[in-house]
N, C-alpha and C. Protein backbone atom coordinates (compact mmCIF):
# COMPACT_ATOMS: atom_id res chain seq x y z
N MET A 1 77.40 63.95 80.32
CA MET A 1 78.66 64.28 79.67
C MET A 1 79.59 63.08 79.70
N SER A 2 80.41 63.03 78.72
CA SER A 2 81.38 61.93 78.68
C SER A 2 82.56 62.24 79.58
N LYS A 3 83.33 61.19 79.86
CA LYS A 3 84.51 61.37 80.70
C LYS A 3 85.49 62.36 80.08
N LEU A 4 85.63 62.31 78.77
CA LEU A 4 86.56 63.18 78.06
C LEU A 4 86.15 64.64 78.19
N SER A 5 84.88 64.93 77.99
CA SER A 5 84.44 66.31 78.09
C SER A 5 84.48 66.79 79.55
N GLU A 6 84.23 65.89 80.50
CA GLU A 6 84.32 66.25 81.91
C GLU A 6 85.76 66.60 82.28
N SER A 7 86.69 65.82 81.80
CA SER A 7 88.10 66.08 82.07
C SER A 7 88.53 67.41 81.43
N ARG A 8 88.04 67.63 80.23
CA ARG A 8 88.37 68.88 79.53
C ARG A 8 87.79 70.09 80.28
N ARG A 9 86.57 69.91 80.78
CA ARG A 9 85.93 70.98 81.56
C ARG A 9 86.75 71.29 82.81
N GLU A 10 87.22 70.26 83.48
CA GLU A 10 88.04 70.46 84.68
C GLU A 10 89.36 71.15 84.34
N GLN A 11 89.95 70.80 83.22
CA GLN A 11 91.20 71.45 82.79
C GLN A 11 90.96 72.93 82.50
N THR A 12 89.86 73.22 81.84
CA THR A 12 89.53 74.62 81.54
C THR A 12 89.27 75.38 82.85
N HIS A 13 88.55 74.75 83.75
CA HIS A 13 88.28 75.36 85.06
C HIS A 13 89.60 75.69 85.76
N LYS A 14 90.52 74.74 85.73
CA LYS A 14 91.82 74.92 86.37
C LYS A 14 92.60 76.06 85.70
N ARG A 15 92.57 76.11 84.36
CA ARG A 15 93.29 77.17 83.64
C ARG A 15 92.74 78.55 84.01
N ILE A 16 91.43 78.65 84.09
CA ILE A 16 90.80 79.93 84.46
C ILE A 16 91.16 80.29 85.90
N ARG A 17 91.08 79.30 86.79
CA ARG A 17 91.40 79.54 88.20
C ARG A 17 92.85 80.00 88.36
N LEU A 18 93.78 79.35 87.64
CA LEU A 18 95.19 79.73 87.71
C LEU A 18 95.41 81.13 87.11
N ALA A 19 94.65 81.44 86.07
CA ALA A 19 94.76 82.78 85.47
C ALA A 19 94.33 83.84 86.47
N ILE A 20 93.26 83.56 87.23
CA ILE A 20 92.80 84.49 88.26
C ILE A 20 93.88 84.69 89.31
N VAL A 21 94.48 83.59 89.75
CA VAL A 21 95.54 83.65 90.77
C VAL A 21 96.72 84.48 90.26
N ARG A 22 97.15 84.23 89.02
CA ARG A 22 98.28 84.99 88.46
C ARG A 22 97.97 86.48 88.39
N LEU A 23 96.75 86.80 87.98
CA LEU A 23 96.37 88.22 87.91
C LEU A 23 96.29 88.84 89.31
N GLU A 24 95.77 88.08 90.28
CA GLU A 24 95.69 88.60 91.65
C GLU A 24 97.08 88.86 92.22
N ARG A 25 98.03 88.01 91.88
CA ARG A 25 99.40 88.17 92.37
C ARG A 25 100.18 89.22 91.59
N GLY A 26 99.61 89.64 90.46
CA GLY A 26 100.30 90.61 89.62
C GLY A 26 101.40 89.98 88.79
N GLU A 27 101.26 88.69 88.50
CA GLU A 27 102.28 87.95 87.74
C GLU A 27 101.66 87.26 86.52
N PRO A 28 100.98 88.00 85.66
CA PRO A 28 100.36 87.35 84.50
C PRO A 28 101.41 86.93 83.47
N LYS A 29 101.06 85.91 82.69
CA LYS A 29 101.96 85.43 81.64
C LYS A 29 101.59 86.02 80.28
N VAL A 30 100.30 86.28 80.06
CA VAL A 30 99.83 86.72 78.75
C VAL A 30 99.49 88.21 78.74
N VAL A 31 98.66 88.62 79.67
CA VAL A 31 98.22 90.02 79.67
C VAL A 31 99.28 90.92 80.31
N GLN A 32 99.09 92.20 80.12
CA GLN A 32 100.05 93.18 80.62
C GLN A 32 99.99 93.26 82.15
N ARG A 33 101.15 93.39 82.77
CA ARG A 33 101.21 93.55 84.24
C ARG A 33 100.45 94.80 84.65
N GLY A 34 99.84 94.71 85.81
CA GLY A 34 99.12 95.85 86.34
C GLY A 34 97.72 96.01 85.75
N ARG A 35 97.35 95.13 84.83
CA ARG A 35 96.02 95.21 84.25
C ARG A 35 94.99 94.85 85.30
N LYS A 36 93.90 95.57 85.30
CA LYS A 36 92.84 95.36 86.26
C LYS A 36 92.22 93.98 86.05
N ILE A 37 91.87 93.33 87.16
CA ILE A 37 91.25 92.00 87.07
C ILE A 37 89.83 92.18 86.56
N SER A 38 89.54 91.54 85.43
CA SER A 38 88.21 91.58 84.84
C SER A 38 87.99 90.26 84.12
N VAL A 39 86.77 90.05 83.70
CA VAL A 39 86.45 88.82 82.98
C VAL A 39 87.28 88.76 81.70
N ALA A 40 87.38 89.88 81.01
CA ALA A 40 88.15 89.91 79.76
C ALA A 40 89.62 89.60 80.01
N ALA A 41 90.21 90.17 81.07
CA ALA A 41 91.62 89.91 81.37
C ALA A 41 91.84 88.45 81.75
N VAL A 42 90.95 87.89 82.56
CA VAL A 42 91.07 86.48 82.95
C VAL A 42 90.92 85.58 81.74
N ALA A 43 89.94 85.88 80.89
CA ALA A 43 89.71 85.07 79.69
C ALA A 43 90.94 85.09 78.79
N GLU A 44 91.51 86.28 78.60
CA GLU A 44 92.71 86.40 77.77
C GLU A 44 93.87 85.64 78.40
N GLU A 45 94.05 85.76 79.68
CA GLU A 45 95.14 85.08 80.39
C GLU A 45 94.97 83.56 80.32
N ALA A 46 93.73 83.07 80.41
CA ALA A 46 93.46 81.63 80.40
C ALA A 46 93.36 81.06 78.99
N GLY A 47 93.23 81.95 78.00
CA GLY A 47 93.11 81.48 76.62
C GLY A 47 91.72 80.96 76.28
N VAL A 48 90.71 81.54 76.91
CA VAL A 48 89.32 81.17 76.63
C VAL A 48 88.53 82.43 76.30
N SER A 49 87.28 82.26 75.91
CA SER A 49 86.46 83.43 75.62
C SER A 49 85.77 83.90 76.90
N HIS A 50 85.47 85.18 76.95
CA HIS A 50 84.78 85.68 78.15
C HIS A 50 83.36 85.13 78.21
N ALA A 51 82.78 84.82 77.06
CA ALA A 51 81.43 84.23 77.04
C ALA A 51 81.44 82.86 77.73
N LEU A 52 82.51 82.09 77.54
CA LEU A 52 82.62 80.78 78.18
C LEU A 52 82.59 80.92 79.70
N ILE A 53 83.32 81.90 80.21
CA ILE A 53 83.34 82.12 81.67
C ILE A 53 81.93 82.49 82.14
N HIS A 54 81.28 83.40 81.43
CA HIS A 54 79.93 83.81 81.81
C HIS A 54 78.95 82.64 81.75
N LYS A 55 79.08 81.82 80.72
CA LYS A 55 78.11 80.76 80.48
C LYS A 55 78.33 79.53 81.35
N ASP A 56 79.58 79.07 81.44
CA ASP A 56 79.83 77.76 82.05
C ASP A 56 80.50 77.79 83.43
N TYR A 57 81.03 78.92 83.85
CA TYR A 57 81.78 78.95 85.12
C TYR A 57 81.30 80.10 86.03
N PRO A 58 80.06 80.02 86.50
CA PRO A 58 79.54 81.11 87.35
C PRO A 58 80.30 81.24 88.67
N ASP A 59 80.84 80.13 89.18
CA ASP A 59 81.62 80.20 90.43
C ASP A 59 82.87 81.06 90.23
N LEU A 60 83.55 80.87 89.10
CA LEU A 60 84.75 81.65 88.82
C LEU A 60 84.39 83.09 88.46
N LEU A 61 83.24 83.26 87.84
CA LEU A 61 82.77 84.61 87.53
C LEU A 61 82.58 85.41 88.81
N GLU A 62 81.99 84.78 89.81
CA GLU A 62 81.81 85.45 91.11
C GLU A 62 83.16 85.76 91.76
N ARG A 63 84.10 84.85 91.63
CA ARG A 63 85.44 85.10 92.19
C ARG A 63 86.10 86.30 91.50
N ILE A 64 85.94 86.36 90.19
CA ILE A 64 86.51 87.50 89.45
C ILE A 64 85.87 88.80 89.91
N ARG A 65 84.56 88.79 90.01
CA ARG A 65 83.85 90.01 90.47
C ARG A 65 84.25 90.36 91.90
N GLY A 66 84.43 89.34 92.74
CA GLY A 66 84.87 89.58 94.12
C GLY A 66 86.27 90.17 94.14
N SER A 67 87.15 89.68 93.30
CA SER A 67 88.51 90.23 93.22
C SER A 67 88.48 91.67 92.74
N THR A 68 87.61 91.93 91.79
CA THR A 68 87.48 93.29 91.28
C THR A 68 87.04 94.21 92.41
N ASN A 69 86.03 93.77 93.17
CA ASN A 69 85.56 94.59 94.28
C ASN A 69 86.65 94.77 95.34
N LYS A 70 87.42 93.70 95.59
CA LYS A 70 88.51 93.81 96.56
C LYS A 70 89.55 94.81 96.10
N SER A 71 89.90 94.75 94.82
CA SER A 71 90.92 95.68 94.34
C SER A 71 90.41 97.11 94.38
N ILE A 72 89.12 97.29 94.11
CA ILE A 72 88.54 98.64 94.20
C ILE A 72 88.57 99.11 95.65
N LYS A 73 88.24 98.21 96.59
CA LYS A 73 88.27 98.57 98.01
C LYS A 73 89.69 98.90 98.45
N VAL A 74 90.66 98.13 97.99
CA VAL A 74 92.06 98.39 98.35
C VAL A 74 92.48 99.75 97.82
N GLN A 75 92.16 100.03 96.57
CA GLN A 75 92.50 101.34 95.99
C GLN A 75 91.83 102.46 96.77
N ARG A 76 90.55 102.26 97.10
CA ARG A 76 89.82 103.27 97.86
C ARG A 76 90.46 103.50 99.23
N ASP A 77 90.81 102.40 99.90
CA ASP A 77 91.42 102.50 101.22
C ASP A 77 92.78 103.19 101.15
N GLU A 78 93.56 102.87 100.12
CA GLU A 78 94.86 103.52 99.95
C GLU A 78 94.69 105.02 99.73
N LYS A 79 93.75 105.38 98.87
CA LYS A 79 93.50 106.80 98.61
C LYS A 79 93.00 107.49 99.86
N HIS A 80 92.16 106.80 100.62
CA HIS A 80 91.65 107.38 101.86
C HIS A 80 92.79 107.62 102.85
N ALA A 81 93.71 106.68 102.95
CA ALA A 81 94.85 106.84 103.86
C ALA A 81 95.72 108.02 103.43
N VAL A 82 95.96 108.15 102.13
CA VAL A 82 96.75 109.27 101.62
C VAL A 82 96.03 110.58 101.90
N LEU A 83 94.72 110.60 101.66
CA LEU A 83 93.93 111.80 101.91
C LEU A 83 93.96 112.19 103.38
N LYS A 84 93.84 111.19 104.25
CA LYS A 84 93.87 111.45 105.70
C LYS A 84 95.22 112.05 106.11
N LYS A 85 96.29 111.49 105.55
CA LYS A 85 97.63 111.98 105.84
C LYS A 85 97.79 113.43 105.35
N GLU A 86 97.29 113.71 104.16
CA GLU A 86 97.38 115.06 103.60
C GLU A 86 96.54 116.05 104.39
N ARG A 87 95.39 115.61 104.88
CA ARG A 87 94.55 116.49 105.72
C ARG A 87 95.27 116.83 107.02
N HIS A 88 95.93 115.84 107.61
CA HIS A 88 96.68 116.08 108.84
C HIS A 88 97.81 117.08 108.57
N LYS A 89 98.51 116.86 107.48
CA LYS A 89 99.59 117.77 107.09
C LYS A 89 99.05 119.18 106.85
N ASN A 90 97.89 119.26 106.21
CA ASN A 90 97.26 120.55 105.94
C ASN A 90 96.91 121.26 107.25
N ARG A 91 96.37 120.51 108.23
CA ARG A 91 96.04 121.10 109.54
C ARG A 91 97.29 121.66 110.20
N GLN A 92 98.39 120.90 110.16
CA GLN A 92 99.64 121.35 110.77
C GLN A 92 100.14 122.62 110.09
N LEU A 93 100.06 122.65 108.77
CA LEU A 93 100.53 123.83 108.03
C LEU A 93 99.65 125.04 108.32
N ARG A 94 98.35 124.85 108.43
CA ARG A 94 97.46 125.97 108.78
C ARG A 94 97.78 126.49 110.18
N GLN A 95 98.08 125.60 111.10
CA GLN A 95 98.44 126.01 112.45
C GLN A 95 99.75 126.80 112.42
N LEU A 96 100.72 126.33 111.64
CA LEU A 96 101.98 127.03 111.50
C LEU A 96 101.77 128.42 110.89
N ILE A 97 100.91 128.50 109.89
CA ILE A 97 100.60 129.80 109.27
C ILE A 97 100.00 130.74 110.31
N ALA A 98 99.09 130.25 111.14
CA ALA A 98 98.47 131.08 112.17
C ALA A 98 99.52 131.59 113.16
N GLU A 99 100.43 130.71 113.58
CA GLU A 99 101.48 131.11 114.52
C GLU A 99 102.41 132.15 113.89
N LEU A 100 102.80 131.92 112.64
CA LEU A 100 103.69 132.86 111.97
C LEU A 100 103.01 134.21 111.71
N THR A 101 101.72 134.17 111.41
CA THR A 101 100.97 135.41 111.21
C THR A 101 100.92 136.21 112.51
N GLU A 102 100.72 135.51 113.62
CA GLU A 102 100.70 136.18 114.93
C GLU A 102 102.07 136.80 115.23
N GLN A 103 103.14 136.06 114.97
CA GLN A 103 104.49 136.60 115.18
C GLN A 103 104.74 137.82 114.29
N ARG A 104 104.31 137.74 113.04
CA ARG A 104 104.49 138.85 112.12
C ARG A 104 103.74 140.08 112.61
N ASP A 105 102.51 139.90 113.09
CA ASP A 105 101.72 141.03 113.59
C ASP A 105 102.40 141.70 114.78
N ILE A 106 102.98 140.90 115.66
CA ILE A 106 103.70 141.44 116.81
C ILE A 106 104.91 142.25 116.34
N LEU A 107 105.65 141.69 115.38
CA LEU A 107 106.83 142.39 114.87
C LEU A 107 106.46 143.67 114.11
N VAL A 108 105.36 143.65 113.39
CA VAL A 108 104.89 144.85 112.68
C VAL A 108 104.55 145.93 113.70
N SER A 109 103.90 145.54 114.79
CA SER A 109 103.54 146.50 115.83
C SER A 109 104.80 147.10 116.47
N LYS A 110 105.76 146.23 116.81
CA LYS A 110 107.01 146.72 117.40
C LYS A 110 107.75 147.63 116.42
N ASN A 111 107.76 147.27 115.15
CA ASN A 111 108.43 148.06 114.13
C ASN A 111 107.78 149.44 114.00
N ALA A 112 106.45 149.50 114.03
CA ALA A 112 105.74 150.78 113.95
C ALA A 112 106.08 151.65 115.16
N ALA A 113 106.13 151.05 116.36
CA ALA A 113 106.47 151.81 117.56
C ALA A 113 107.91 152.34 117.47
N LEU A 114 108.82 151.54 116.97
CA LEU A 114 110.21 151.98 116.82
C LEU A 114 110.35 153.08 115.77
N GLU A 115 109.58 152.98 114.69
CA GLU A 115 109.61 154.04 113.68
C GLU A 115 109.13 155.36 114.26
N LEU A 116 108.06 155.32 115.05
CA LEU A 116 107.56 156.53 115.70
C LEU A 116 108.61 157.10 116.66
N GLU A 117 109.22 156.24 117.43
CA GLU A 117 110.27 156.67 118.37
C GLU A 117 111.44 157.27 117.62
N ASN A 118 111.82 156.64 116.50
CA ASN A 118 112.93 157.14 115.68
C ASN A 118 112.59 158.52 115.12
N ARG A 119 111.38 158.71 114.63
CA ARG A 119 110.98 160.04 114.11
C ARG A 119 110.99 161.09 115.20
N ARG A 120 110.48 160.72 116.39
CA ARG A 120 110.45 161.66 117.51
C ARG A 120 111.86 162.08 117.89
N LEU A 121 112.76 161.09 118.00
CA LEU A 121 114.14 161.42 118.39
C LEU A 121 114.86 162.20 117.30
N THR A 122 114.59 161.86 116.03
CA THR A 122 115.20 162.61 114.92
C THR A 122 114.73 164.06 114.95
N ALA A 123 113.45 164.26 115.23
CA ALA A 123 112.91 165.62 115.31
C ALA A 123 113.56 166.38 116.45
N ILE A 124 113.77 165.74 117.57
CA ILE A 124 114.40 166.40 118.71
C ILE A 124 115.83 166.80 118.38
N VAL A 125 116.56 165.88 117.77
CA VAL A 125 117.97 166.13 117.44
C VAL A 125 118.09 167.24 116.40
N GLU A 126 117.18 167.30 115.45
CA GLU A 126 117.24 168.29 114.38
C GLU A 126 116.67 169.64 114.81
N SER A 127 116.05 169.73 115.96
CA SER A 127 115.47 170.98 116.44
C SER A 127 116.59 171.97 116.77
N LYS A 128 116.34 173.28 116.54
CA LYS A 128 117.35 174.31 116.80
C LYS A 128 117.52 174.57 118.28
N ASN A 129 116.55 174.20 119.07
CA ASN A 129 116.59 174.44 120.49
C ASN A 129 117.38 173.37 121.25
N VAL A 130 117.85 172.38 120.55
CA VAL A 130 118.50 171.26 121.22
C VAL A 130 119.99 171.29 120.92
N THR A 131 120.77 171.12 121.95
CA THR A 131 122.21 170.96 121.75
C THR A 131 122.55 169.53 122.14
N VAL A 132 123.45 168.96 121.43
CA VAL A 132 123.83 167.59 121.67
C VAL A 132 124.72 167.55 122.89
N PHE A 133 124.35 166.79 123.86
CA PHE A 133 125.13 166.64 125.08
C PHE A 133 125.99 165.40 124.93
N ARG A 134 127.27 165.63 124.91
CA ARG A 134 128.18 164.52 124.71
C ARG A 134 128.53 163.83 126.03
N GLY A 135 128.51 164.55 127.10
CA GLY A 135 128.82 163.96 128.38
C GLY A 135 130.31 163.75 128.55
N LYS A 136 130.68 163.20 129.67
CA LYS A 136 132.07 162.94 129.94
C LYS A 136 132.49 161.65 129.27
N THR A 137 133.72 161.60 128.91
CA THR A 137 134.24 160.35 128.37
C THR A 137 134.48 159.41 129.54
N PRO A 138 134.16 158.19 129.39
CA PRO A 138 134.34 157.26 130.50
C PRO A 138 135.81 157.14 130.89
N GLN A 139 136.06 157.13 132.19
CA GLN A 139 137.43 156.99 132.68
C GLN A 139 137.73 155.52 132.92
N LYS A 140 139.00 155.23 132.81
CA LYS A 140 139.42 153.88 133.07
C LYS A 140 139.40 153.65 134.58
N PRO A 141 139.04 152.49 135.01
CA PRO A 141 139.00 152.21 136.45
C PRO A 141 140.38 152.40 137.09
N GLY A 142 140.35 152.99 138.25
CA GLY A 142 141.58 153.18 139.00
C GLY A 142 142.16 154.57 138.85
N LYS A 143 141.70 155.41 137.92
CA LYS A 143 142.20 156.77 137.74
C LYS A 143 141.12 157.74 138.17
N MET A 144 141.14 158.18 139.37
CA MET A 144 140.19 159.17 139.85
C MET A 144 140.89 160.27 140.51
């Protein structure tokens, strides 16, 4: 190769490398922000064809694929962390539900016993054989 084509090759290599860096940082100049790192995105950002990257720059192609795998791993790890947090929250809520259910069952039992007692006492009071005993009115202390 001539010096001119070698220099041009190095410039293209540098443009592709810088495009990868910009995409990794999330600061692209040409493509849309947040776009997934791919050969097509890097090629568009660098102003070259994706075939050129595949054909002439296998080292950069591997870097792009490595970045893609890293971003997939990061996304997976983030989702896993969120899932783990939600599972913990779910366990706590299930435990709270169990405690509240137990409290409710106790209160239902007490309520049923009080209803039975209320019916029994109502029946006694409404019976013809029972007279209401009012008792003495309480006296104030000191007057006996």
